[in-house]
Amino acid sequence: MFAILLNKGMDPFYQNISSFPTAIFTFILGICILYWLFAVLGVVDIDMLDIDLENEAATPNAIAGVMLKFGLNGVPVTIIISFLSLFGWLASYYSVHYLSPLIPEGLLNILFRVMVLILAFWFAVLLTVMVVKLLSPFFKKIEHQTFKNILGQSAVVRTSKVTTSFGEAFLEDGGAGLILKVRSSEDQTFSKGDKVVLLEYLENENVYRVISEQDFTS
């Protein structure tokens, strides 16, 4: 695999992903990939950037306003950003790869690349809206089913820690399992691998308050 990446024939690929405007999407996509890697490892919350649109709609929050306008509610913000960066990267890369050699170098080529940036972003937004609208009912169904009948059940901490403002736990549900946002009480902190019990669902924050399994059974 590394031999392929280091092959001289890959030079145009590296030039395209590191040149304007593709480099912008490459950077954002790289951050998204690192984020999902850390999320899988339990270092960060999967939906750490989520916005409560019901509360934000009444405030001058630009992101919330844009999400509501395009119907991007109901799906984690991190997934939306990931789709935007992926679709934008694909559109920008292939536009530059196939069309840029046809445009003379100089001001005309720069204007062409600026236009590619604008159109690639617009294409990414439109495609993301389509995908999100398809996924939104799926996520709402999961959220509804997640809350049902899981209070009082035990889960295992999957992040490095669980505090009053951070943490996730894995709940074995007989299937693929559930990853839940959890929070501890002020006087408790849990570490990865600790067993906790889902004591209360905090609807405004969309998190579960947990206590140790030992405290629950004592």
N, C-alpha and C. Protein backbone atom coordinates (compact mmCIF):
# COMPACT_ATOMS: atom_id res chain seq x y z
N MET A 1 0.83 -1.22 0.00
CA MET A 1 0.00 0.00 0.00
C MET A 1 0.86 1.26 0.00
N PHE A 2 1.89 1.27 0.87
CA PHE A 2 2.77 2.44 0.94
C PHE A 2 3.54 2.62 -0.36
N ALA A 3 3.86 1.48 -1.03
CA ALA A 3 4.57 1.55 -2.30
C ALA A 3 3.72 2.28 -3.34
N ILE A 4 2.41 2.04 -3.30
CA ILE A 4 1.50 2.71 -4.23
C ILE A 4 1.44 4.20 -3.94
N LEU A 5 1.36 4.54 -2.65
CA LEU A 5 1.27 5.95 -2.27
C LEU A 5 2.52 6.73 -2.62
N LEU A 6 3.68 6.05 -2.57
CA LEU A 6 4.94 6.72 -2.84
C LEU A 6 5.35 6.66 -4.30
N ASN A 7 4.55 5.99 -5.12
CA ASN A 7 4.82 5.88 -6.54
C ASN A 7 4.78 7.25 -7.21
N LYS A 8 5.68 7.51 -8.16
CA LYS A 8 5.74 8.80 -8.83
C LYS A 8 4.45 9.10 -9.58
N GLY A 9 3.75 8.03 -9.98
CA GLY A 9 2.49 8.23 -10.68
C GLY A 9 1.43 8.87 -9.83
N MET A 10 1.66 8.89 -8.50
CA MET A 10 0.70 9.50 -7.58
C MET A 10 0.95 10.99 -7.40
N ASP A 11 2.02 11.53 -8.01
CA ASP A 11 2.36 12.94 -7.85
C ASP A 11 1.20 13.87 -8.20
N PRO A 12 0.51 13.68 -9.33
CA PRO A 12 -0.62 14.56 -9.65
C PRO A 12 -1.70 14.53 -8.56
N PHE A 13 -1.88 13.36 -7.96
CA PHE A 13 -2.88 13.25 -6.88
C PHE A 13 -2.50 14.14 -5.71
N TYR A 14 -1.24 14.05 -5.28
CA TYR A 14 -0.79 14.85 -4.14
C TYR A 14 -0.84 16.34 -4.48
N GLN A 15 -0.51 16.68 -5.72
CA GLN A 15 -0.55 18.08 -6.13
C GLN A 15 -1.98 18.62 -6.08
N ASN A 16 -2.92 17.79 -6.52
CA ASN A 16 -4.31 18.24 -6.54
C ASN A 16 -4.88 18.42 -5.14
N ILE A 17 -4.60 17.47 -4.24
CA ILE A 17 -5.20 17.55 -2.90
C ILE A 17 -4.54 18.62 -2.04
N SER A 18 -3.36 19.09 -2.45
CA SER A 18 -2.65 20.10 -1.66
C SER A 18 -2.68 21.47 -2.32
N SER A 19 -3.40 21.61 -3.43
CA SER A 19 -3.49 22.89 -4.12
C SER A 19 -4.88 23.49 -3.93
N PHE A 20 -4.96 24.79 -4.06
CA PHE A 20 -6.24 25.48 -3.94
C PHE A 20 -7.14 25.12 -5.12
N PRO A 21 -8.44 24.86 -4.88
CA PRO A 21 -9.16 24.94 -3.60
C PRO A 21 -9.30 23.60 -2.88
N THR A 22 -8.83 22.51 -3.50
CA THR A 22 -9.02 21.18 -2.92
C THR A 22 -8.37 21.07 -1.54
N ALA A 23 -7.27 21.81 -1.35
CA ALA A 23 -6.55 21.75 -0.08
C ALA A 23 -7.44 22.14 1.09
N ILE A 24 -8.40 23.04 0.87
CA ILE A 24 -9.31 23.46 1.94
C ILE A 24 -10.15 22.27 2.40
N PHE A 25 -10.72 21.57 1.42
CA PHE A 25 -11.54 20.40 1.75
C PHE A 25 -10.67 19.26 2.29
N THR A 26 -9.45 19.14 1.78
CA THR A 26 -8.54 18.11 2.27
C THR A 26 -8.26 18.31 3.75
N PHE A 27 -8.03 19.56 4.14
CA PHE A 27 -7.75 19.89 5.54
C PHE A 27 -8.94 19.54 6.43
N ILE A 28 -10.14 19.98 6.02
CA ILE A 28 -11.34 19.72 6.83
C ILE A 28 -11.63 18.23 6.90
N LEU A 29 -11.48 17.54 5.75
CA LEU A 29 -11.72 16.10 5.72
C LEU A 29 -10.72 15.36 6.60
N GLY A 30 -9.48 15.83 6.62
CA GLY A 30 -8.47 15.22 7.48
C GLY A 30 -8.82 15.36 8.95
N ILE A 31 -9.34 16.54 9.34
CA ILE A 31 -9.78 16.76 10.71
C ILE A 31 -10.93 15.82 11.05
N CYS A 32 -11.86 15.66 10.10
CA CYS A 32 -13.01 14.77 10.33
C CYS A 32 -12.54 13.33 10.54
N ILE A 33 -11.59 12.90 9.73
CA ILE A 33 -11.07 11.53 9.87
C ILE A 33 -10.42 11.34 11.23
N LEU A 34 -9.62 12.32 11.67
CA LEU A 34 -9.00 12.24 12.99
C LEU A 34 -10.05 12.24 14.09
N TYR A 35 -11.07 13.07 13.91
CA TYR A 35 -12.14 13.13 14.90
C TYR A 35 -12.82 11.78 15.06
N TRP A 36 -13.18 11.14 13.93
CA TRP A 36 -13.87 9.84 14.00
C TRP A 36 -12.94 8.77 14.58
N LEU A 37 -11.66 8.90 14.32
CA LEU A 37 -10.71 7.96 14.92
C LEU A 37 -10.70 8.11 16.43
N PHE A 38 -10.64 9.35 16.91
CA PHE A 38 -10.66 9.61 18.35
C PHE A 38 -12.00 9.19 18.96
N ALA A 39 -13.09 9.39 18.20
CA ALA A 39 -14.41 9.00 18.70
C ALA A 39 -14.50 7.49 18.88
N VAL A 40 -13.95 6.75 17.93
CA VAL A 40 -13.96 5.28 18.03
C VAL A 40 -13.14 4.83 19.22
N LEU A 41 -12.04 5.54 19.49
CA LEU A 41 -11.18 5.19 20.62
C LEU A 41 -11.76 5.68 21.95
N GLY A 42 -12.83 6.47 21.89
CA GLY A 42 -13.48 6.95 23.12
C GLY A 42 -12.83 8.17 23.72
N VAL A 43 -12.04 8.89 22.93
CA VAL A 43 -11.37 10.09 23.46
C VAL A 43 -12.31 11.28 23.45
N VAL A 44 -13.22 11.34 22.47
CA VAL A 44 -14.18 12.45 22.39
C VAL A 44 -15.58 11.88 22.23
N ASP A 45 -16.58 12.71 22.53
CA ASP A 45 -17.97 12.32 22.32
C ASP A 45 -18.26 12.27 20.83
N ILE A 46 -19.07 11.31 20.40
CA ILE A 46 -19.43 11.21 18.99
C ILE A 46 -20.20 12.43 18.53
N ASP A 47 -21.04 12.99 19.37
CA ASP A 47 -21.84 14.15 18.97
C ASP A 47 -21.49 15.37 19.80
N MET A 48 -20.19 15.60 19.99
CA MET A 48 -19.73 16.69 20.83
C MET A 48 -20.10 18.07 20.26
N LEU A 49 -20.35 18.15 18.95
CA LEU A 49 -20.69 19.43 18.34
C LEU A 49 -22.18 19.62 18.13
N ASP A 50 -22.99 18.72 18.67
CA ASP A 50 -24.43 18.80 18.45
C ASP A 50 -25.00 20.12 18.95
N ILE A 51 -26.01 20.60 18.23
CA ILE A 51 -26.69 21.84 18.59
C ILE A 51 -28.15 21.53 18.86
N ASP A 52 -28.66 22.03 19.97
CA ASP A 52 -30.07 21.85 20.29
C ASP A 52 -30.86 22.88 19.50
N LEU A 53 -31.41 22.47 18.35
CA LEU A 53 -32.08 23.42 17.47
C LEU A 53 -33.34 23.99 18.09
N GLU A 54 -33.98 23.24 18.97
CA GLU A 54 -35.20 23.75 19.59
C GLU A 54 -34.91 24.98 20.43
N ASN A 55 -33.73 24.96 21.12
CA ASN A 55 -33.38 26.09 21.97
C ASN A 55 -32.66 27.18 21.19
N GLU A 56 -31.87 26.79 20.19
CA GLU A 56 -31.06 27.74 19.45
C GLU A 56 -31.88 28.51 18.41
N ALA A 57 -33.05 27.96 18.03
CA ALA A 57 -33.83 28.60 16.97
C ALA A 57 -34.25 30.02 17.35
N ALA A 58 -34.41 30.27 18.65
CA ALA A 58 -34.84 31.58 19.10
C ALA A 58 -33.68 32.52 19.34
N THR A 59 -32.45 32.10 19.11
CA THR A 59 -31.27 32.91 19.33
C THR A 59 -30.58 33.16 18.00
N PRO A 60 -29.72 34.20 17.93
CA PRO A 60 -29.02 34.52 16.68
C PRO A 60 -27.85 33.58 16.43
N ASN A 61 -28.08 32.29 16.47
CA ASN A 61 -27.02 31.32 16.22
C ASN A 61 -27.00 31.01 14.73
N ALA A 62 -25.92 31.40 14.06
CA ALA A 62 -25.85 31.27 12.60
C ALA A 62 -25.91 29.82 12.16
N ILE A 63 -25.19 28.95 12.87
CA ILE A 63 -25.15 27.55 12.48
C ILE A 63 -26.52 26.91 12.61
N ALA A 64 -27.18 27.18 13.74
CA ALA A 64 -28.51 26.63 13.95
C ALA A 64 -29.48 27.13 12.88
N GLY A 65 -29.37 28.43 12.53
CA GLY A 65 -30.24 29.00 11.52
C GLY A 65 -30.06 28.35 10.16
N VAL A 66 -28.81 28.12 9.78
CA VAL A 66 -28.53 27.48 8.50
C VAL A 66 -29.04 26.04 8.48
N MET A 67 -28.82 25.33 9.60
CA MET A 67 -29.26 23.94 9.68
C MET A 67 -30.77 23.83 9.56
N LEU A 68 -31.50 24.75 10.23
CA LEU A 68 -32.95 24.73 10.15
C LEU A 68 -33.42 25.09 8.74
N LYS A 69 -32.76 26.06 8.13
CA LYS A 69 -33.16 26.49 6.78
C LYS A 69 -33.04 25.37 5.77
N PHE A 70 -31.98 24.59 5.87
CA PHE A 70 -31.75 23.51 4.91
C PHE A 70 -32.31 22.17 5.39
N GLY A 71 -32.96 22.17 6.54
CA GLY A 71 -33.55 20.92 7.03
C GLY A 71 -32.53 19.92 7.52
N LEU A 72 -31.41 20.42 8.08
CA LEU A 72 -30.34 19.54 8.52
C LEU A 72 -30.45 19.20 10.01
N ASN A 73 -31.67 19.24 10.54
CA ASN A 73 -31.86 18.88 11.95
C ASN A 73 -32.16 17.39 12.07
N GLY A 74 -31.84 16.83 13.22
CA GLY A 74 -32.13 15.42 13.46
C GLY A 74 -30.95 14.51 13.25
N VAL A 75 -29.84 15.05 12.74
CA VAL A 75 -28.63 14.26 12.50
C VAL A 75 -27.47 14.97 13.19
N PRO A 76 -26.57 14.24 13.85
CA PRO A 76 -25.42 14.87 14.52
C PRO A 76 -24.64 15.80 13.61
N VAL A 77 -24.24 16.95 14.15
CA VAL A 77 -23.50 17.95 13.38
C VAL A 77 -22.21 17.37 12.81
N THR A 78 -21.56 16.49 13.57
CA THR A 78 -20.31 15.90 13.11
C THR A 78 -20.50 15.09 11.83
N ILE A 79 -21.63 14.43 11.69
CA ILE A 79 -21.92 13.68 10.47
C ILE A 79 -22.17 14.63 9.31
N ILE A 80 -22.86 15.72 9.57
CA ILE A 80 -23.13 16.72 8.53
C ILE A 80 -21.83 17.30 8.01
N ILE A 81 -20.94 17.70 8.93
CA ILE A 81 -19.65 18.27 8.52
C ILE A 81 -18.83 17.25 7.74
N SER A 82 -18.89 15.99 8.16
CA SER A 82 -18.15 14.94 7.46
C SER A 82 -18.64 14.77 6.03
N PHE A 83 -19.96 14.77 5.85
CA PHE A 83 -20.53 14.66 4.50
C PHE A 83 -20.16 15.88 3.66
N LEU A 84 -20.27 17.07 4.24
CA LEU A 84 -19.93 18.30 3.52
C LEU A 84 -18.50 18.28 3.02
N SER A 85 -17.58 17.89 3.91
CA SER A 85 -16.17 17.88 3.53
C SER A 85 -15.87 16.80 2.50
N LEU A 86 -16.51 15.64 2.62
CA LEU A 86 -16.29 14.55 1.67
C LEU A 86 -16.82 14.91 0.28
N PHE A 87 -18.06 15.36 0.21
CA PHE A 87 -18.65 15.71 -1.09
C PHE A 87 -17.93 16.91 -1.71
N GLY A 88 -17.57 17.88 -0.88
CA GLY A 88 -16.84 19.04 -1.38
C GLY A 88 -15.47 18.64 -1.91
N TRP A 89 -14.80 17.74 -1.19
CA TRP A 89 -13.48 17.27 -1.62
C TRP A 89 -13.57 16.55 -2.97
N LEU A 90 -14.54 15.67 -3.12
CA LEU A 90 -14.70 14.93 -4.37
C LEU A 90 -14.98 15.86 -5.55
N ALA A 91 -15.91 16.79 -5.34
CA ALA A 91 -16.26 17.72 -6.41
C ALA A 91 -15.07 18.60 -6.78
N SER A 92 -14.37 19.11 -5.79
CA SER A 92 -13.23 19.98 -6.04
C SER A 92 -12.08 19.23 -6.70
N TYR A 93 -11.79 18.04 -6.18
CA TYR A 93 -10.66 17.27 -6.71
C TYR A 93 -10.84 16.94 -8.19
N TYR A 94 -11.98 16.38 -8.53
CA TYR A 94 -12.18 15.95 -9.91
C TYR A 94 -12.36 17.13 -10.86
N SER A 95 -12.90 18.24 -10.38
CA SER A 95 -13.01 19.43 -11.22
C SER A 95 -11.64 19.96 -11.58
N VAL A 96 -10.78 20.07 -10.56
CA VAL A 96 -9.41 20.57 -10.79
C VAL A 96 -8.61 19.58 -11.62
N HIS A 97 -8.77 18.30 -11.33
CA HIS A 97 -7.99 17.26 -12.03
C HIS A 97 -8.27 17.25 -13.53
N TYR A 98 -9.54 17.35 -13.90
CA TYR A 98 -9.90 17.21 -15.31
C TYR A 98 -9.99 18.55 -16.07
N LEU A 99 -10.32 19.63 -15.37
CA LEU A 99 -10.57 20.89 -16.07
C LEU A 99 -9.43 21.90 -15.95
N SER A 100 -8.71 21.87 -14.84
CA SER A 100 -7.65 22.85 -14.64
C SER A 100 -6.59 22.82 -15.74
N PRO A 101 -6.16 21.63 -16.23
CA PRO A 101 -5.16 21.61 -17.31
C PRO A 101 -5.64 22.31 -18.59
N LEU A 102 -6.94 22.47 -18.75
CA LEU A 102 -7.50 23.11 -19.95
C LEU A 102 -7.52 24.63 -19.84
N ILE A 103 -7.29 25.14 -18.62
CA ILE A 103 -7.34 26.59 -18.37
C ILE A 103 -5.92 27.14 -18.33
N PRO A 104 -5.63 28.19 -19.09
CA PRO A 104 -4.28 28.77 -19.09
C PRO A 104 -3.87 29.23 -17.69
N GLU A 105 -2.58 29.12 -17.38
CA GLU A 105 -2.08 29.58 -16.10
C GLU A 105 -2.23 31.08 -15.97
N GLY A 106 -2.32 31.54 -14.74
CA GLY A 106 -2.44 32.97 -14.51
C GLY A 106 -3.77 33.32 -13.87
N LEU A 107 -4.21 34.56 -14.12
CA LEU A 107 -5.42 35.06 -13.48
C LEU A 107 -6.64 34.22 -13.83
N LEU A 108 -6.73 33.77 -15.08
CA LEU A 108 -7.88 32.99 -15.51
C LEU A 108 -7.98 31.68 -14.73
N ASN A 109 -6.82 31.05 -14.49
CA ASN A 109 -6.80 29.80 -13.74
C ASN A 109 -7.18 30.02 -12.28
N ILE A 110 -6.75 31.15 -11.73
CA ILE A 110 -7.09 31.48 -10.34
C ILE A 110 -8.59 31.69 -10.21
N LEU A 111 -9.16 32.43 -11.16
CA LEU A 111 -10.61 32.66 -11.14
C LEU A 111 -11.38 31.36 -11.30
N PHE A 112 -10.84 30.46 -12.12
CA PHE A 112 -11.46 29.16 -12.30
C PHE A 112 -11.49 28.39 -10.98
N ARG A 113 -10.38 28.41 -10.25
CA ARG A 113 -10.30 27.68 -8.99
C ARG A 113 -11.20 28.29 -7.92
N VAL A 114 -11.34 29.61 -7.93
CA VAL A 114 -12.28 30.25 -6.99
C VAL A 114 -13.70 29.80 -7.30
N MET A 115 -14.03 29.73 -8.59
CA MET A 115 -15.35 29.27 -8.99
C MET A 115 -15.57 27.82 -8.59
N VAL A 116 -14.53 27.00 -8.72
CA VAL A 116 -14.62 25.59 -8.31
C VAL A 116 -14.92 25.50 -6.82
N LEU A 117 -14.26 26.33 -6.02
CA LEU A 117 -14.50 26.32 -4.57
C LEU A 117 -15.97 26.62 -4.26
N ILE A 118 -16.50 27.65 -4.90
CA ILE A 118 -17.89 28.05 -4.65
C ILE A 118 -18.86 26.96 -5.08
N LEU A 119 -18.66 26.44 -6.31
CA LEU A 119 -19.57 25.43 -6.83
C LEU A 119 -19.44 24.10 -6.09
N ALA A 120 -18.20 23.74 -5.69
CA ALA A 120 -17.99 22.49 -4.96
C ALA A 120 -18.69 22.54 -3.60
N PHE A 121 -18.60 23.70 -2.96
CA PHE A 121 -19.27 23.84 -1.66
C PHE A 121 -20.78 23.77 -1.84
N TRP A 122 -21.30 24.45 -2.85
CA TRP A 122 -22.74 24.43 -3.10
C TRP A 122 -23.22 23.02 -3.44
N PHE A 123 -22.44 22.31 -4.26
CA PHE A 123 -22.76 20.92 -4.59
C PHE A 123 -22.76 20.07 -3.32
N ALA A 124 -21.78 20.28 -2.46
CA ALA A 124 -21.67 19.51 -1.21
C ALA A 124 -22.87 19.77 -0.31
N VAL A 125 -23.31 21.03 -0.23
CA VAL A 125 -24.47 21.36 0.60
C VAL A 125 -25.72 20.66 0.08
N LEU A 126 -25.95 20.74 -1.24
CA LEU A 126 -27.14 20.13 -1.83
C LEU A 126 -27.15 18.62 -1.62
N LEU A 127 -26.01 17.99 -1.85
CA LEU A 127 -25.93 16.54 -1.70
C LEU A 127 -26.06 16.13 -0.24
N THR A 128 -25.47 16.92 0.67
CA THR A 128 -25.57 16.63 2.10
C THR A 128 -27.01 16.75 2.58
N VAL A 129 -27.71 17.77 2.09
CA VAL A 129 -29.13 17.94 2.45
C VAL A 129 -29.93 16.72 2.04
N MET A 130 -29.67 16.21 0.84
CA MET A 130 -30.39 15.03 0.35
C MET A 130 -30.13 13.82 1.24
N VAL A 131 -28.85 13.62 1.58
CA VAL A 131 -28.47 12.46 2.39
C VAL A 131 -29.03 12.58 3.80
N VAL A 132 -28.93 13.79 4.38
CA VAL A 132 -29.39 14.01 5.75
C VAL A 132 -30.90 13.80 5.87
N LYS A 133 -31.63 14.24 4.86
CA LYS A 133 -33.08 14.06 4.89
C LYS A 133 -33.44 12.57 4.86
N LEU A 134 -32.61 11.79 4.20
CA LEU A 134 -32.83 10.34 4.18
C LEU A 134 -32.47 9.71 5.53
N LEU A 135 -31.43 10.26 6.18
CA LEU A 135 -30.96 9.69 7.44
C LEU A 135 -31.72 10.19 8.66
N SER A 136 -32.33 11.36 8.57
CA SER A 136 -32.97 11.98 9.72
C SER A 136 -34.00 11.09 10.41
N PRO A 137 -34.93 10.45 9.68
CA PRO A 137 -35.89 9.55 10.35
C PRO A 137 -35.21 8.40 11.06
N PHE A 138 -34.10 7.93 10.49
CA PHE A 138 -33.36 6.82 11.09
C PHE A 138 -32.79 7.22 12.44
N PHE A 139 -32.20 8.42 12.53
CA PHE A 139 -31.62 8.88 13.78
C PHE A 139 -32.70 9.18 14.81
N LYS A 140 -33.84 9.73 14.37
CA LYS A 140 -34.93 10.00 15.30
C LYS A 140 -35.49 8.71 15.88
N LYS A 141 -35.56 7.67 15.03
CA LYS A 141 -36.05 6.38 15.49
C LYS A 141 -35.10 5.79 16.52
N ILE A 142 -33.81 5.91 16.26
CA ILE A 142 -32.81 5.39 17.20
C ILE A 142 -32.90 6.12 18.53
N GLU A 143 -33.04 7.46 18.46
CA GLU A 143 -33.11 8.25 19.70
C GLU A 143 -34.33 7.87 20.51
N HIS A 144 -35.45 7.64 19.83
CA HIS A 144 -36.68 7.26 20.52
C HIS A 144 -36.54 5.89 21.17
N GLN A 145 -35.97 4.95 20.41
CA GLN A 145 -35.83 3.59 20.93
C GLN A 145 -34.78 3.51 22.03
N THR A 146 -33.79 4.40 21.96
CA THR A 146 -32.72 4.39 22.96
C THR A 146 -33.26 4.69 24.35
N PHE A 147 -34.17 5.63 24.44
CA PHE A 147 -34.69 6.04 25.74
C PHE A 147 -35.60 4.97 26.36
N LYS A 148 -36.23 4.18 25.53
CA LYS A 148 -37.20 3.20 26.03
C LYS A 148 -36.52 2.08 26.82
N ASN A 149 -36.98 1.92 28.02
CA ASN A 149 -36.67 0.74 28.83
C ASN A 149 -35.19 0.49 29.08
N ILE A 150 -34.39 1.54 29.17
CA ILE A 150 -32.97 1.28 29.48
C ILE A 150 -32.56 1.90 30.81
N LEU A 151 -33.41 2.72 31.41
CA LEU A 151 -33.08 3.24 32.73
C LEU A 151 -32.98 2.09 33.72
N GLY A 152 -31.98 2.12 34.56
CA GLY A 152 -31.76 1.06 35.52
C GLY A 152 -30.85 -0.03 35.01
N GLN A 153 -30.47 0.04 33.72
CA GLN A 153 -29.58 -0.97 33.16
C GLN A 153 -28.12 -0.56 33.33
N SER A 154 -27.25 -1.56 33.31
CA SER A 154 -25.81 -1.32 33.47
C SER A 154 -25.15 -1.07 32.12
N ALA A 155 -24.16 -0.21 32.13
CA ALA A 155 -23.38 0.10 30.94
C ALA A 155 -21.91 0.19 31.34
N VAL A 156 -21.04 0.16 30.35
CA VAL A 156 -19.60 0.22 30.61
C VAL A 156 -19.04 1.51 30.01
N VAL A 157 -18.30 2.25 30.80
CA VAL A 157 -17.70 3.50 30.34
C VAL A 157 -16.72 3.22 29.20
N ARG A 158 -16.88 3.94 28.06
CA ARG A 158 -16.02 3.72 26.90
C ARG A 158 -15.05 4.88 26.65
N THR A 159 -15.30 6.02 27.25
CA THR A 159 -14.38 7.14 27.12
C THR A 159 -13.34 7.09 28.22
N SER A 160 -12.32 7.94 28.12
CA SER A 160 -11.25 7.92 29.11
C SER A 160 -11.76 8.25 30.50
N LYS A 161 -12.85 9.02 30.56
CA LYS A 161 -13.45 9.36 31.85
C LYS A 161 -14.90 9.77 31.65
N VAL A 162 -15.63 9.83 32.73
CA VAL A 162 -17.00 10.37 32.74
C VAL A 162 -17.07 11.40 33.85
N THR A 163 -17.43 12.62 33.48
CA THR A 163 -17.54 13.71 34.45
C THR A 163 -18.93 14.33 34.33
N THR A 164 -19.10 15.48 34.95
CA THR A 164 -20.39 16.17 34.87
C THR A 164 -20.62 16.81 33.50
N SER A 165 -19.58 16.87 32.66
CA SER A 165 -19.72 17.53 31.36
C SER A 165 -19.22 16.69 30.19
N PHE A 166 -18.74 15.48 30.44
CA PHE A 166 -18.16 14.67 29.37
C PHE A 166 -18.30 13.20 29.69
N GLY A 167 -18.47 12.39 28.64
CA GLY A 167 -18.43 10.95 28.83
C GLY A 167 -19.41 10.18 27.97
N GLU A 168 -19.05 8.95 27.65
CA GLU A 168 -19.93 8.02 26.93
C GLU A 168 -19.81 6.65 27.56
N ALA A 169 -20.88 5.88 27.41
CA ALA A 169 -20.89 4.51 27.93
C ALA A 169 -21.51 3.60 26.88
N PHE A 170 -21.08 2.34 26.90
CA PHE A 170 -21.60 1.35 25.95
C PHE A 170 -22.58 0.45 26.68
N LEU A 171 -23.78 0.32 26.11
CA LEU A 171 -24.82 -0.51 26.69
C LEU A 171 -25.07 -1.71 25.80
N GLU A 172 -24.91 -2.89 26.34
CA GLU A 172 -25.18 -4.13 25.60
C GLU A 172 -26.69 -4.34 25.55
N ASP A 173 -27.24 -4.32 24.33
CA ASP A 173 -28.69 -4.45 24.19
C ASP A 173 -29.11 -5.73 23.48
N GLY A 174 -28.17 -6.67 23.36
CA GLY A 174 -28.49 -7.92 22.68
C GLY A 174 -28.26 -7.85 21.18
N GLY A 175 -27.94 -6.66 20.69
CA GLY A 175 -27.67 -6.49 19.27
C GLY A 175 -26.29 -5.89 19.08
N ALA A 176 -26.24 -4.79 18.30
CA ALA A 176 -24.96 -4.14 18.08
C ALA A 176 -24.51 -3.32 19.27
N GLY A 177 -25.43 -3.08 20.20
CA GLY A 177 -25.08 -2.28 21.38
C GLY A 177 -25.39 -0.81 21.15
N LEU A 178 -25.45 -0.04 22.22
CA LEU A 178 -25.77 1.39 22.15
C LEU A 178 -24.64 2.20 22.79
N ILE A 179 -24.27 3.29 22.13
CA ILE A 179 -23.31 4.23 22.69
C ILE A 179 -24.09 5.43 23.18
N LEU A 180 -24.04 5.69 24.49
CA LEU A 180 -24.86 6.72 25.10
C LEU A 180 -23.99 7.82 25.71
N LYS A 181 -24.48 9.06 25.62
CA LYS A 181 -23.83 10.16 26.32
C LYS A 181 -24.24 10.11 27.78
N VAL A 182 -23.27 10.07 28.68
CA VAL A 182 -23.57 9.95 30.10
C VAL A 182 -22.83 11.03 30.89
N ARG A 183 -23.38 11.35 32.05
CA ARG A 183 -22.78 12.34 32.94
C ARG A 183 -22.84 11.82 34.37
N SER A 184 -21.84 12.14 35.15
CA SER A 184 -21.80 11.71 36.54
C SER A 184 -22.31 12.82 37.44
N SER A 185 -22.48 12.50 38.71
CA SER A 185 -22.83 13.51 39.70
C SER A 185 -21.59 14.32 40.03
N GLU A 186 -21.77 15.43 40.72
CA GLU A 186 -20.65 16.33 40.98
C GLU A 186 -19.55 15.68 41.80
N ASP A 187 -19.90 14.74 42.65
CA ASP A 187 -18.90 14.14 43.53
C ASP A 187 -18.34 12.83 42.99
N GLN A 188 -18.62 12.49 41.72
CA GLN A 188 -18.15 11.23 41.16
C GLN A 188 -17.47 11.44 39.80
N THR A 189 -16.46 10.62 39.57
CA THR A 189 -15.79 10.57 38.27
C THR A 189 -15.50 9.12 37.95
N PHE A 190 -15.81 8.70 36.75
CA PHE A 190 -15.59 7.31 36.35
C PHE A 190 -14.51 7.23 35.27
N SER A 191 -13.86 6.08 35.21
CA SER A 191 -12.80 5.85 34.22
C SER A 191 -13.24 4.78 33.22
N LYS A 192 -12.49 4.67 32.14
CA LYS A 192 -12.81 3.71 31.09
C LYS A 192 -12.85 2.29 31.67
N GLY A 193 -13.93 1.57 31.35
CA GLY A 193 -14.09 0.20 31.83
C GLY A 193 -14.95 0.08 33.07
N ASP A 194 -15.21 1.21 33.76
CA ASP A 194 -16.05 1.17 34.96
C ASP A 194 -17.50 0.82 34.57
N LYS A 195 -18.17 0.10 35.45
CA LYS A 195 -19.57 -0.23 35.23
C LYS A 195 -20.45 0.80 35.94
N VAL A 196 -21.39 1.34 35.18
CA VAL A 196 -22.29 2.35 35.73
C VAL A 196 -23.73 1.95 35.43
N VAL A 197 -24.65 2.58 36.14
CA VAL A 197 -26.08 2.31 35.95
C VAL A 197 -26.76 3.60 35.49
N LEU A 198 -27.61 3.46 34.47
CA LEU A 198 -28.34 4.62 33.94
C LEU A 198 -29.46 4.97 34.91
N LEU A 199 -29.29 6.09 35.60
CA LEU A 199 -30.22 6.43 36.67
C LEU A 199 -31.31 7.39 36.21
N GLU A 200 -30.97 8.33 35.33
CA GLU A 200 -31.93 9.37 34.96
C GLU A 200 -31.61 9.88 33.57
N TYR A 201 -32.66 10.19 32.79
CA TYR A 201 -32.48 10.77 31.47
C TYR A 201 -32.72 12.26 31.54
N LEU A 202 -31.71 13.06 31.17
CA LEU A 202 -31.83 14.52 31.18
C LEU A 202 -32.18 14.97 29.77
N GLU A 203 -33.46 15.17 29.52
CA GLU A 203 -33.96 15.40 28.16
C GLU A 203 -33.39 16.66 27.53
N ASN A 204 -33.24 17.73 28.31
CA ASN A 204 -32.73 18.99 27.76
C ASN A 204 -31.32 18.87 27.22
N GLU A 205 -30.53 17.99 27.83
CA GLU A 205 -29.14 17.80 27.42
C GLU A 205 -28.96 16.54 26.58
N ASN A 206 -30.00 15.71 26.50
CA ASN A 206 -29.94 14.45 25.77
C ASN A 206 -28.81 13.56 26.29
N VAL A 207 -28.71 13.47 27.64
CA VAL A 207 -27.69 12.64 28.27
C VAL A 207 -28.33 11.85 29.40
N TYR A 208 -27.60 10.86 29.88
CA TYR A 208 -28.06 10.04 31.00
C TYR A 208 -27.16 10.29 32.20
N ARG A 209 -27.77 10.51 33.34
CA ARG A 209 -27.00 10.63 34.58
C ARG A 209 -26.78 9.22 35.11
N VAL A 210 -25.56 8.95 35.52
CA VAL A 210 -25.22 7.59 35.95
C VAL A 210 -24.60 7.61 37.34
N ILE A 211 -24.68 6.45 37.99
CA ILE A 211 -23.99 6.21 39.25
C ILE A 211 -23.26 4.88 39.11
N SER A 212 -22.38 4.62 40.03
CA SER A 212 -21.64 3.37 39.97
C SER A 212 -22.58 2.19 40.22
N GLU A 213 -22.25 1.06 39.64
CA GLU A 213 -23.07 -0.15 39.82
C GLU A 213 -23.10 -0.55 41.30
N GLN A 214 -21.99 -0.32 41.97
CA GLN A 214 -21.90 -0.68 43.39
C GLN A 214 -22.86 0.18 44.23
N ASP A 215 -22.89 1.50 43.94
CA ASP A 215 -23.80 2.37 44.69
C ASP A 215 -25.26 2.04 44.40
N PHE A 216 -25.54 1.62 43.17
CA PHE A 216 -26.91 1.32 42.79
C PHE A 216 -27.44 0.08 43.51
N THR A 217 -26.58 -0.91 43.69
CA THR A 217 -27.01 -2.17 44.29
C THR A 217 -26.93 -2.18 45.81
N SER A 218 -26.24 -1.18 46.36
CA SER A 218 -26.07 -1.17 47.83
C SER A 218 -27.29 -0.56 48.53
